[in-house]
Each structure stands twice: as C-alpha cells, then as structure tokens.
C-alpha atoms as a PDB file:
ATOM      1  CA  MET A   1     105.888  79.711 111.826  1.00  0.00           C
ATOM      2  CA  GLU A   2     103.085  77.576 113.189  1.00  0.00           C
ATOM      3  CA  ARG A   3     100.101  76.936 110.916  1.00  0.00           C
ATOM      4  CA  GLN A   4      96.689  77.790 112.305  1.00  0.00           C
ATOM      5  CA  GLU A   5      93.478  75.900 111.679  1.00  0.00           C
ATOM      6  CA  ILE A   6      91.224  77.338 109.015  1.00  0.00           C
ATOM      7  CA  CYS A   7      87.917  78.515 110.479  1.00  0.00           C
ATOM      8  CA  ASN A   8      86.178  79.298 107.218  1.00  0.00           C
ATOM      9  CA  GLU A   9      86.866  79.465 103.502  1.00  0.00           C
ATOM     10  CA  MET A  10      85.105  80.662 100.378  1.00  0.00           C
ATOM     11  CA  ARG A  11      85.829  80.395  96.672  1.00  0.00           C
ATOM     12  CA  LEU A  12      84.469  82.444  93.802  1.00  0.00           C
ATOM     13  CA  CYS A  13      84.910  82.386  90.061  1.00  0.00           C
ATOM     14  CA  PHE A  14      83.602  85.246  87.945  1.00  0.00           C
ATOM     15  CA  PRO A  15      84.165  86.621  84.434  1.00  0.00           C
ATOM     16  CA  SER A  16      86.714  89.396  84.031  1.00  0.00           C
ATOM     17  CA  TYR A  17      84.190  92.184  83.489  1.00  0.00           C
ATOM     18  CA  SER A  18      85.051  95.477  85.166  1.00  0.00           C
ATOM     19  CA  ALA A  19      81.638  95.496  86.893  1.00  0.00           C
ATOM     20  CA  ASN A  20      82.731  92.418  88.848  1.00  0.00           C
ATOM     21  CA  GLU A  21      85.449  94.364  90.652  1.00  0.00           C
ATOM     22  CA  GLY A  22      82.725  95.802  92.915  1.00  0.00           C
ATOM     23  CA  PHE A  23      81.223  92.336  93.319  1.00  0.00           C
ATOM     24  CA  ALA A  24      84.588  90.984  94.521  1.00  0.00           C
ATOM     25  CA  ARG A  25      84.920  93.859  97.015  1.00  0.00           C
ATOM     26  CA  ALA A  26      81.452  93.203  98.404  1.00  0.00           C
ATOM     27  CA  CYS A  27      82.124  89.460  98.734  1.00  0.00           C
ATOM     28  CA  ALA A  28      85.414  90.110 100.524  1.00  0.00           C
ATOM     29  CA  ALA A  29      83.700  92.500 102.934  1.00  0.00           C
ATOM     30  CA  ALA A  30      80.875  90.058 103.630  1.00  0.00           C
ATOM     31  CA  PHE A  31      83.307  87.200 104.251  1.00  0.00           C
ATOM     32  CA  CYS A  32      85.454  89.265 106.632  1.00  0.00           C
ATOM     33  CA  ALA A  33      82.433  90.593 108.529  1.00  0.00           C
ATOM     34  CA  GLN A  34      82.180  87.255 110.386  1.00  0.00           C
ATOM     35  CA  SER A  35      85.325  88.220 112.305  1.00  0.00           C
ATOM     36  CA  ASN A  36      84.190  91.721 113.267  1.00  0.00           C
ATOM     37  CA  PRO A  37      87.094  93.631 111.663  1.00  0.00           C
ATOM     38  CA  THR A  38      87.689  97.295 112.342  1.00  0.00           C
ATOM     39  CA  PHE A  39      86.441  99.787 109.778  1.00  0.00           C
ATOM     40  CA  ASP A  40      90.031 100.485 108.707  1.00  0.00           C
ATOM     41  CA  GLU A  41      90.854  96.778 108.314  1.00  0.00           C
ATOM     42  CA  LEU A  42      87.760  96.231 106.193  1.00  0.00           C
ATOM     43  CA  SER A  43      88.565  99.273 104.045  1.00  0.00           C
ATOM     44  CA  ASP A  44      92.142  98.061 103.554  1.00  0.00           C
ATOM     45  CA  ILE A  45      90.994  94.585 102.498  1.00  0.00           C
ATOM     46  CA  LYS A  46      88.389  95.934 100.083  1.00  0.00           C
ATOM     47  CA  CYS A  47      90.926  98.268  98.488  1.00  0.00           C
ATOM     48  CA  ALA A  48      93.529  95.496  98.118  1.00  0.00           C
ATOM     49  CA  VAL A  49      90.960  93.133  96.581  1.00  0.00           C
ATOM     50  CA  SER A  50      89.930  95.884  94.154  1.00  0.00           C
ATOM     51  CA  GLU A  51      93.508  96.407  93.025  1.00  0.00           C
ATOM     52  CA  ALA A  52      94.235  92.693  92.572  1.00  0.00           C
ATOM     53  CA  VAL A  53      90.992  92.032  90.676  1.00  0.00           C
ATOM     54  CA  THR A  54      91.496  95.119  88.509  1.00  0.00           C
ATOM     55  CA  ASN A  55      95.019  93.923  87.671  1.00  0.00           C
ATOM     56  CA  ALA A  56      93.643  90.538  86.599  1.00  0.00           C
ATOM     57  CA  ILE A  57      90.954  92.159  84.445  1.00  0.00           C
ATOM     58  CA  VAL A  58      93.020  94.954  82.876  1.00  0.00           C
ATOM     59  CA  HIS A  59      96.472  93.409  82.644  1.00  0.00           C
ATOM     60  CA  GLY A  60      95.882  89.672  82.862  1.00  0.00           C
ATOM     61  CA  TYR A  61      93.201  89.426  80.218  1.00  0.00           C
ATOM     62  CA  ARG A  62      93.775  92.754  78.494  1.00  0.00           C
ATOM     63  CA  SER A  63      91.063  93.003  75.805  1.00  0.00           C
ATOM     64  CA  THR A  64      89.714  89.473  76.276  1.00  0.00           C
ATOM     65  CA  VAL A  65      87.406  87.897  78.828  1.00  0.00           C
ATOM     66  CA  GLY A  66      88.509  85.110  81.123  1.00  0.00           C
ATOM     67  CA  ASP A  67      87.812  83.897  84.629  1.00  0.00           C
ATOM     68  CA  VAL A  68      89.034  85.520  87.832  1.00  0.00           C
ATOM     69  CA  TYR A  69      89.276  83.239  90.861  1.00  0.00           C
ATOM     70  CA  MET A  70      89.089  84.538  94.425  1.00  0.00           C
ATOM     71  CA  THR A  71      89.745  82.348  97.466  1.00  0.00           C
ATOM     72  CA  MET A  72      89.531  83.654 101.020  1.00  0.00           C
ATOM     73  CA  ARG A  73      90.456  81.822 104.212  1.00  0.00           C
ATOM     74  CA  MET A  74      90.093  82.882 107.838  1.00  0.00           C
ATOM     75  CA  THR A  75      92.288  81.186 110.435  1.00  0.00           C
ATOM     76  CA  GLU A  76      91.682  80.687 114.150  1.00  0.00           C
ATOM     77  CA  ASP A  77      94.132  83.485 114.915  1.00  0.00           C
ATOM     78  CA  ARG A  78      92.156  85.941 112.725  1.00  0.00           C
ATOM     79  CA  VAL A  79      94.476  86.020 109.726  1.00  0.00           C
ATOM     80  CA  VAL A  80      92.593  86.492 106.486  1.00  0.00           C
ATOM     81  CA  ARG A  81      94.368  85.073 103.428  1.00  0.00           C
ATOM     82  CA  ILE A  82      93.141  86.222 100.019  1.00  0.00           C
ATOM     83  CA  GLU A  83      94.214  84.783  96.713  1.00  0.00           C
ATOM     84  CA  ILE A  84      93.247  86.418  93.407  1.00  0.00           C
ATOM     85  CA  ARG A  85      94.191  84.333  90.378  1.00  0.00           C
ATOM     86  CA  ASP A  86      93.758  84.582  86.614  1.00  0.00           C
ATOM     87  CA  LYS A  87      94.746  82.416  83.668  1.00  0.00           C
ATOM     88  CA  GLY A  88      95.691  85.373  81.529  1.00  0.00           C
ATOM     89  CA  CYS A  89      98.909  86.459  79.853  1.00  0.00           C
ATOM     90  CA  GLY A  90     101.074  86.380  82.982  1.00  0.00           C
ATOM     91  CA  ILE A  91     103.870  88.749  83.925  1.00  0.00           C
ATOM     92  CA  GLU A  92     107.240  88.572  82.169  1.00  0.00           C
ATOM     93  CA  ASP A  93     109.203  90.235  84.981  1.00  0.00           C
ATOM     94  CA  VAL A  94     107.453  90.197  88.377  1.00  0.00           C
ATOM     95  CA  GLN A  95     110.176  92.249  90.099  1.00  0.00           C
ATOM     96  CA  LYS A  96     109.781  94.988  87.495  1.00  0.00           C
ATOM     97  CA  ALA A  97     105.976  94.857  87.791  1.00  0.00           C
ATOM     98  CA  LEU A  98     106.254  95.352  91.566  1.00  0.00           C
ATOM     99  CA  GLN A  99     108.027  98.689  91.106  1.00  0.00           C
ATOM    100  CA  PRO A 100     105.858 101.764  91.771  1.00  0.00           C
ATOM    101  CA  LEU A 101     104.662 103.511  88.587  1.00  0.00           C
ATOM    102  CA  TYR A 102     105.379 100.520  86.316  1.00  0.00           C
ATOM    103  CA  THR A 103     102.431  99.752  84.039  1.00  0.00           C
ATOM    104  CA  THR A 104     101.811  97.717  80.908  1.00  0.00           C
ATOM    105  CA  ASP A 105      98.909 100.003  79.980  1.00  0.00           C
ATOM    106  CA  PRO A 106     100.083 103.661  80.024  1.00  0.00           C
ATOM    107  CA  ALA A 107      97.849 104.556  77.060  1.00  0.00           C
ATOM    108  CA  ASN A 108      94.761 104.085  79.255  1.00  0.00           C
ATOM    109  CA  GLU A 109      96.195 106.233  82.050  1.00  0.00           C
ATOM    110  CA  ARG A 110      97.000 103.351  84.398  1.00  0.00           C
ATOM    111  CA  SER A 111      99.127 104.611  87.297  1.00  0.00           C
ATOM    112  CA  GLY A 112     101.210 101.494  87.924  1.00  0.00           C
ATOM    113  CA  MET A 113     100.484 101.654  91.652  1.00  0.00           C
ATOM    114  CA  GLY A 114      98.289  98.558  92.088  1.00  0.00           C
ATOM    115  CA  PHE A 115     100.863  96.297  93.747  1.00  0.00           C
ATOM    116  CA  THR A 116     102.176  99.209  95.823  1.00  0.00           C
ATOM    117  CA  VAL A 117      98.673  99.895  97.134  1.00  0.00           C
ATOM    118  CA  ILE A 118      98.203  96.224  98.032  1.00  0.00           C
ATOM    119  CA  GLU A 119     101.570  96.147  99.843  1.00  0.00           C
ATOM    120  CA  ASN A 120     100.619  99.229 101.853  1.00  0.00           C
ATOM    121  CA  PHE A 121      97.175  98.008 102.902  1.00  0.00           C
ATOM    122  CA  MET A 122      97.948  94.360 103.646  1.00  0.00           C
ATOM    123  CA  ASP A 123     100.436  92.706 106.021  1.00  0.00           C
ATOM    124  CA  SER A 124     101.962  90.624 103.242  1.00  0.00           C
ATOM    125  CA  MET A 125     101.712  90.203  99.489  1.00  0.00           C
ATOM    126  CA  ARG A 126     103.279  87.703  97.134  1.00  0.00           C
ATOM    127  CA  VAL A 127     102.948  87.588  93.345  1.00  0.00           C
ATOM    128  CA  VAL A 128     103.475  84.365  91.408  1.00  0.00           C
ATOM    129  CA  SER A 129     103.230  84.496  87.635  1.00  0.00           C
ATOM    130  CA  THR A 130     104.057  82.414  84.590  1.00  0.00           C
ATOM    131  CA  PRO A 131     104.024  84.102  81.181  1.00  0.00           C
ATOM    132  CA  GLY A 132     101.195  82.691  79.084  1.00  0.00           C
ATOM    133  CA  LYS A 133      99.605  80.908  82.047  1.00  0.00           C
ATOM    134  CA  GLY A 134      98.450  83.604  84.467  1.00  0.00           C
ATOM    135  CA  THR A 135      99.121  85.344  87.742  1.00  0.00           C
ATOM    136  CA  LYS A 136      98.309  84.725  91.383  1.00  0.00           C
ATOM    137  CA  VAL A 137      98.351  87.448  94.046  1.00  0.00           C
ATOM    138  CA  ILE A 138      98.379  86.150  97.616  1.00  0.00           C
ATOM    139  CA  MET A 139      97.828  88.631 100.421  1.00  0.00           C
ATOM    140  CA  THR A 140      97.256  88.386 104.157  1.00  0.00           C
ATOM    141  CA  LYS A 141      96.028  90.625 106.930  1.00  0.00           C
ATOM    142  CA  LYS A 142      95.852  89.916 110.653  1.00  0.00           C
ATOM    143  CA  LEU A 143      92.669  91.297 112.141  1.00  0.00           C
ATOM    144  CA  THR A 144      92.781  92.873 115.580  1.00  0.00           C
ATOM    145  CA  VAL A 145      90.764  91.481 118.414  1.00  0.00           C
ATOM    146  CA  ILE A 146      88.095  93.911 119.459  1.00  0.00           C
ATOM    147  CA  PRO A 147      86.855  93.303 122.975  1.00  0.00           C
ATOM    148  CA  ARG A 148      83.111  92.884 123.154  1.00  0.00           C
ATOM    149  CA  ILE A 149      81.328  95.299 125.464  1.00  0.00           C
ATOM    150  CA  ARG A 150      79.122  93.520 127.928  1.00  0.00           C
ATOM    151  CA  GLY A 151      76.082  95.351 129.167  1.00  0.00           C
END
C-alpha cells in the first residue's frame, strides 16, 4: 500500500477525567471539519473517539488519573488516522478484550461493546497494549469526496 502525504496533524494531551471525553469528541470533529466530511462520517468518528477515550479513562486508569493522548492525521487522499493512547494498566489479553460483551468493569454496568462499536464505525482499528505500560487504539476512516456545487 502506498503511503500518502500528511496534510495536517494535531496532538492533544488531557487528564483522564470523564468530562474530557466530550472535549476529545469536539476536537476530533473540529479537526475533521477541514475536509468537509459527511454528517454520517463525522458522527462515526466522534462516536469512535468517545469509545476509545472512555476505554482509556475507565479501563486504562481505572480509579486513578493519568494522561490521555490523542493524535489525528489527515492524508492527501482524505484518510483520517486517529490514535488514542494511555499509560495505564494495559490489557492482559487483547484478543479477549476485542470480543463483544467482554468487560473488566461489569460492576459499573459497562457493556463491553467499546471496541465493537469502534470496529463498526471506522474502516480499520488496531489495538496495541502492554500490561503495566498502557494501550494504544489506532483507527482510520476514509472520507468521501463531496463535489462542490458551483453557482
């Protein structure tokens, strides 16, 4: 696969407070707006970012506070690449964690559908994790080209 030039990139670091999940969504939407995504594409991206950030906050740091890192890149061919990373507890068994309904927090009514939601809304998703060192969720979505109407 041929690599495309990066048109733009942004990086954020914020504390793992639940209120910052909405902040991450808003930042993702603002970053993607430069490429004029469809409403559905923007909704999909915001939902996937929400799930990945929530996973970092709830499962990565559990009852502690740490930093969540979000990097977004837009390529010339309109592929948005989003990376959500934490330095929390990590995932012992990534393949198990990717299974629908699996959760490490059933007592707080967590559904275990976060990774499944991301997979359904994005074109690709990859999870890299090291126990005791943190987790990285990398997701991509190719935005459609919307023809501009000339008046």
